[in-house]
Amino acid sequence: MVYILEAHPKGGAERGPDYSVLCQHETLEDRIKAATMLIDLDVEYHTFTADIRSQTQIPLVLDTIDNVFTSTFAAAPDRAYVVENNSIAYLGRPIVQQIMTEIDMAVELREFFEKKSYQKKNDA
């Protein structure tokens, strides 16, 4: 998973104190702190990890501070993309749809990877 810019940064397109808790990243260190917060917040499932070799969690990597991934893939905050073999294998729902169903991207990604793992086991 690629951590990109903030959707509703504090001091920007704010959505209130429950949504706008971080300022837009100005440095790579800002983005690293924000990504670390996401990993730390996911205490119930431990979905994300900074370990890119993990076989049990989703590796969380960072877009460059000049947002090359965002520009290349027309990425949007709060929307998950899985790139596999140079193509998009999974395109998550926009945040509005996630909010309407109260199913967030972490749950959707976990289901995607569980299904993929199940299919892989059955193909073996």
C-alpha atoms as a PDB file:
ATOM      1  CA  MET A   1       0.000   0.000   0.000  1.00  0.00           C
ATOM      2  CA  VAL A   2       1.288   3.443  -0.857  1.00  0.00           C
ATOM      3  CA  TYR A   3       0.733   6.224   1.666  1.00  0.00           C
ATOM      4  CA  ILE A   4       0.007   9.404  -0.278  1.00  0.00           C
ATOM      5  CA  LEU A   5      -0.997  12.967   0.625  1.00  0.00           C
ATOM      6  CA  GLU A   6      -3.646  13.744   3.249  1.00  0.00           C
ATOM      7  CA  ALA A   7      -7.245  13.921   2.010  1.00  0.00           C
ATOM      8  CA  HIS A   8      -8.429  16.608   4.425  1.00  0.00           C
ATOM      9  CA  PRO A   9      -5.372  18.164   6.023  1.00  0.00           C
ATOM     10  CA  LYS A  10      -5.521  20.452   8.991  1.00  0.00           C
ATOM     11  CA  GLY A  11      -5.379  23.996   7.647  1.00  0.00           C
ATOM     12  CA  GLY A  12      -6.542  22.803   4.194  1.00  0.00           C
ATOM     13  CA  ALA A  13      -9.790  21.201   3.068  1.00  0.00           C
ATOM     14  CA  GLU A  14     -10.756  20.447   6.667  1.00  0.00           C
ATOM     15  CA  ARG A  15     -13.646  18.174   7.586  1.00  0.00           C
ATOM     16  CA  GLY A  16     -13.600  18.889  11.308  1.00  0.00           C
ATOM     17  CA  PRO A  17     -11.457  17.772  14.244  1.00  0.00           C
ATOM     18  CA  ASP A  18     -12.359  14.079  13.844  1.00  0.00           C
ATOM     19  CA  TYR A  19     -11.108  14.001  10.250  1.00  0.00           C
ATOM     20  CA  SER A  20      -8.504  16.738   9.952  1.00  0.00           C
ATOM     21  CA  VAL A  21      -5.860  15.797  12.481  1.00  0.00           C
ATOM     22  CA  LEU A  22      -2.721  16.020  10.326  1.00  0.00           C
ATOM     23  CA  CYS A  23      -1.256  18.851   8.316  1.00  0.00           C
ATOM     24  CA  GLN A  24      -0.337  18.193   4.688  1.00  0.00           C
ATOM     25  CA  HIS A  25       3.102  16.590   4.482  1.00  0.00           C
ATOM     26  CA  GLU A  26       5.768  19.141   3.669  1.00  0.00           C
ATOM     27  CA  THR A  27       8.720  16.785   4.057  1.00  0.00           C
ATOM     28  CA  LEU A  28       9.352  13.090   3.701  1.00  0.00           C
ATOM     29  CA  GLU A  29       9.737  12.967   7.485  1.00  0.00           C
ATOM     30  CA  ASP A  30       6.151  14.291   7.822  1.00  0.00           C
ATOM     31  CA  ARG A  31       4.890  11.501   5.571  1.00  0.00           C
ATOM     32  CA  ILE A  32       6.874   8.886   7.509  1.00  0.00           C
ATOM     33  CA  LYS A  33       5.301  10.105  10.779  1.00  0.00           C
ATOM     34  CA  ALA A  34       1.810   9.975   9.265  1.00  0.00           C
ATOM     35  CA  ALA A  35       2.335   6.443   7.907  1.00  0.00           C
ATOM     36  CA  THR A  36       3.692   5.315  11.265  1.00  0.00           C
ATOM     37  CA  MET A  37       0.552   6.697  12.922  1.00  0.00           C
ATOM     38  CA  LEU A  38      -1.612   4.640  10.532  1.00  0.00           C
ATOM     39  CA  ILE A  39       0.306   1.467  11.386  1.00  0.00           C
ATOM     40  CA  ASP A  40      -0.026   2.236  15.097  1.00  0.00           C
ATOM     41  CA  LEU A  41      -3.773   2.964  14.810  1.00  0.00           C
ATOM     42  CA  ASP A  42      -4.486  -0.432  13.256  1.00  0.00           C
ATOM     43  CA  VAL A  43      -4.110  -2.223  16.592  1.00  0.00           C
ATOM     44  CA  GLU A  44      -7.092  -4.540  16.190  1.00  0.00           C
ATOM     45  CA  TYR A  45      -5.995  -6.289  12.998  1.00  0.00           C
ATOM     46  CA  HIS A  46      -2.347  -5.337  12.450  1.00  0.00           C
ATOM     47  CA  THR A  47      -3.102  -5.000   8.743  1.00  0.00           C
ATOM     48  CA  PHE A  48      -0.180  -2.766   7.787  1.00  0.00           C
ATOM     49  CA  THR A  49       3.562  -3.004   8.355  1.00  0.00           C
ATOM     50  CA  ALA A  50       6.682  -1.085   7.416  1.00  0.00           C
ATOM     51  CA  ASP A  51       8.356  -4.421   6.588  1.00  0.00           C
ATOM     52  CA  ILE A  52       8.255  -4.734   2.789  1.00  0.00           C
ATOM     53  CA  ARG A  53       9.089  -8.477   3.026  1.00  0.00           C
ATOM     54  CA  SER A  54       6.106  -9.323   5.228  1.00  0.00           C
ATOM     55  CA  GLN A  55       4.038 -12.306   4.133  1.00  0.00           C
ATOM     56  CA  THR A  56       1.291 -11.761   6.726  1.00  0.00           C
ATOM     57  CA  GLN A  57       0.674  -8.006   6.652  1.00  0.00           C
ATOM     58  CA  ILE A  58       0.304  -5.395   3.935  1.00  0.00           C
ATOM     59  CA  PRO A  59       3.565  -3.495   3.443  1.00  0.00           C
ATOM     60  CA  LEU A  60       3.001   0.255   3.673  1.00  0.00           C
ATOM     61  CA  VAL A  61       5.340   2.293   1.481  1.00  0.00           C
ATOM     62  CA  LEU A  62       5.378   6.019   0.846  1.00  0.00           C
ATOM     63  CA  ASP A  63       4.762   8.132  -2.217  1.00  0.00           C
ATOM     64  CA  THR A  64       7.567  10.580  -2.882  1.00  0.00           C
ATOM     65  CA  ILE A  65       7.086  14.046  -1.396  1.00  0.00           C
ATOM     66  CA  ASP A  66       6.489  15.332  -4.952  1.00  0.00           C
ATOM     67  CA  ASN A  67       3.714  12.701  -5.310  1.00  0.00           C
ATOM     68  CA  VAL A  68       4.995  10.678  -8.285  1.00  0.00           C
ATOM     69  CA  PHE A  69       2.744   7.666  -7.512  1.00  0.00           C
ATOM     70  CA  THR A  70      -0.296   9.920  -7.107  1.00  0.00           C
ATOM     71  CA  SER A  71       0.372  11.567 -10.469  1.00  0.00           C
ATOM     72  CA  THR A  72       1.134   8.315 -12.287  1.00  0.00           C
ATOM     73  CA  PHE A  73      -1.908   6.355 -11.058  1.00  0.00           C
ATOM     74  CA  ALA A  74      -4.369   9.233 -10.464  1.00  0.00           C
ATOM     75  CA  ALA A  75      -4.461   8.061  -6.868  1.00  0.00           C
ATOM     76  CA  ALA A  76      -6.862   9.544  -4.330  1.00  0.00           C
ATOM     77  CA  PRO A  77      -6.545   9.682  -0.541  1.00  0.00           C
ATOM     78  CA  ASP A  78      -8.488   7.027   1.378  1.00  0.00           C
ATOM     79  CA  ARG A  79      -8.655   4.802  -1.690  1.00  0.00           C
ATOM     80  CA  ALA A  80      -6.660   1.610  -1.925  1.00  0.00           C
ATOM     81  CA  TYR A  81      -4.874   0.347  -5.031  1.00  0.00           C
ATOM     82  CA  VAL A  82      -3.026  -2.951  -5.348  1.00  0.00           C
ATOM     83  CA  VAL A  83      -0.483  -3.050  -8.142  1.00  0.00           C
ATOM     84  CA  GLU A  84       0.619  -6.513  -9.211  1.00  0.00           C
ATOM     85  CA  ASN A  85       2.694  -7.455 -12.247  1.00  0.00           C
ATOM     86  CA  ASN A  86       2.649  -3.847 -13.492  1.00  0.00           C
ATOM     87  CA  SER A  87      -1.145  -3.575 -13.493  1.00  0.00           C
ATOM     88  CA  ILE A  88      -3.824  -2.617 -11.002  1.00  0.00           C
ATOM     89  CA  ALA A  89      -5.119  -5.838  -9.436  1.00  0.00           C
ATOM     90  CA  TYR A  90      -7.441  -4.089  -6.991  1.00  0.00           C
ATOM     91  CA  LEU A  91      -9.015  -0.634  -7.007  1.00  0.00           C
ATOM     92  CA  GLY A  92     -10.690   0.328  -3.753  1.00  0.00           C
ATOM     93  CA  ARG A  93     -13.894   2.271  -3.415  1.00  0.00           C
ATOM     94  CA  PRO A  94     -13.811   6.047  -2.966  1.00  0.00           C
ATOM     95  CA  ILE A  95     -14.048   7.265   0.630  1.00  0.00           C
ATOM     96  CA  VAL A  96     -17.682   8.395   0.264  1.00  0.00           C
ATOM     97  CA  GLN A  97     -18.730   4.830  -0.523  1.00  0.00           C
ATOM     98  CA  GLN A  98     -16.614   3.502   2.349  1.00  0.00           C
ATOM     99  CA  ILE A  99     -18.325   5.884   4.789  1.00  0.00           C
ATOM    100  CA  MET A 100     -21.814   5.018   3.523  1.00  0.00           C
ATOM    101  CA  THR A 101     -21.257   1.317   4.233  1.00  0.00           C
ATOM    102  CA  GLU A 102     -18.990   1.834   7.275  1.00  0.00           C
ATOM    103  CA  ILE A 103     -16.505  -0.631   5.752  1.00  0.00           C
ATOM    104  CA  ASP A 104     -13.099   0.970   5.472  1.00  0.00           C
ATOM    105  CA  MET A 105     -10.214   0.240   3.167  1.00  0.00           C
ATOM    106  CA  ALA A 106      -8.353  -1.884   5.725  1.00  0.00           C
ATOM    107  CA  VAL A 107     -11.270  -4.337   5.893  1.00  0.00           C
ATOM    108  CA  GLU A 108     -11.656  -4.403   2.100  1.00  0.00           C
ATOM    109  CA  LEU A 109      -7.947  -4.985   1.564  1.00  0.00           C
ATOM    110  CA  ARG A 110      -7.869  -7.788   4.115  1.00  0.00           C
ATOM    111  CA  GLU A 111     -10.794  -9.482   2.329  1.00  0.00           C
ATOM    112  CA  PHE A 112      -9.085  -9.049  -1.052  1.00  0.00           C
ATOM    113  CA  PHE A 113      -5.867 -10.638   0.178  1.00  0.00           C
ATOM    114  CA  GLU A 114      -7.672 -13.430   2.058  1.00  0.00           C
ATOM    115  CA  LYS A 115      -9.589 -14.311  -1.119  1.00  0.00           C
ATOM    116  CA  LYS A 116      -6.370 -14.168  -3.122  1.00  0.00           C
ATOM    117  CA  SER A 117      -4.642 -16.430  -0.588  1.00  0.00           C
ATOM    118  CA  TYR A 118      -7.581 -18.866  -0.676  1.00  0.00           C
ATOM    119  CA  GLN A 119      -7.516 -18.981  -4.486  1.00  0.00           C
ATOM    120  CA  LYS A 120      -3.746 -19.541  -4.449  1.00  0.00           C
ATOM    121  CA  LYS A 121      -4.129 -22.504  -2.045  1.00  0.00           C
ATOM    122  CA  ASN A 122      -6.858 -24.063  -4.188  1.00  0.00           C
ATOM    123  CA  ASP A 123      -4.818 -23.629  -7.366  1.00  0.00           C
ATOM    124  CA  ALA A 124      -1.865 -25.478  -5.824  1.00  0.00           C
END
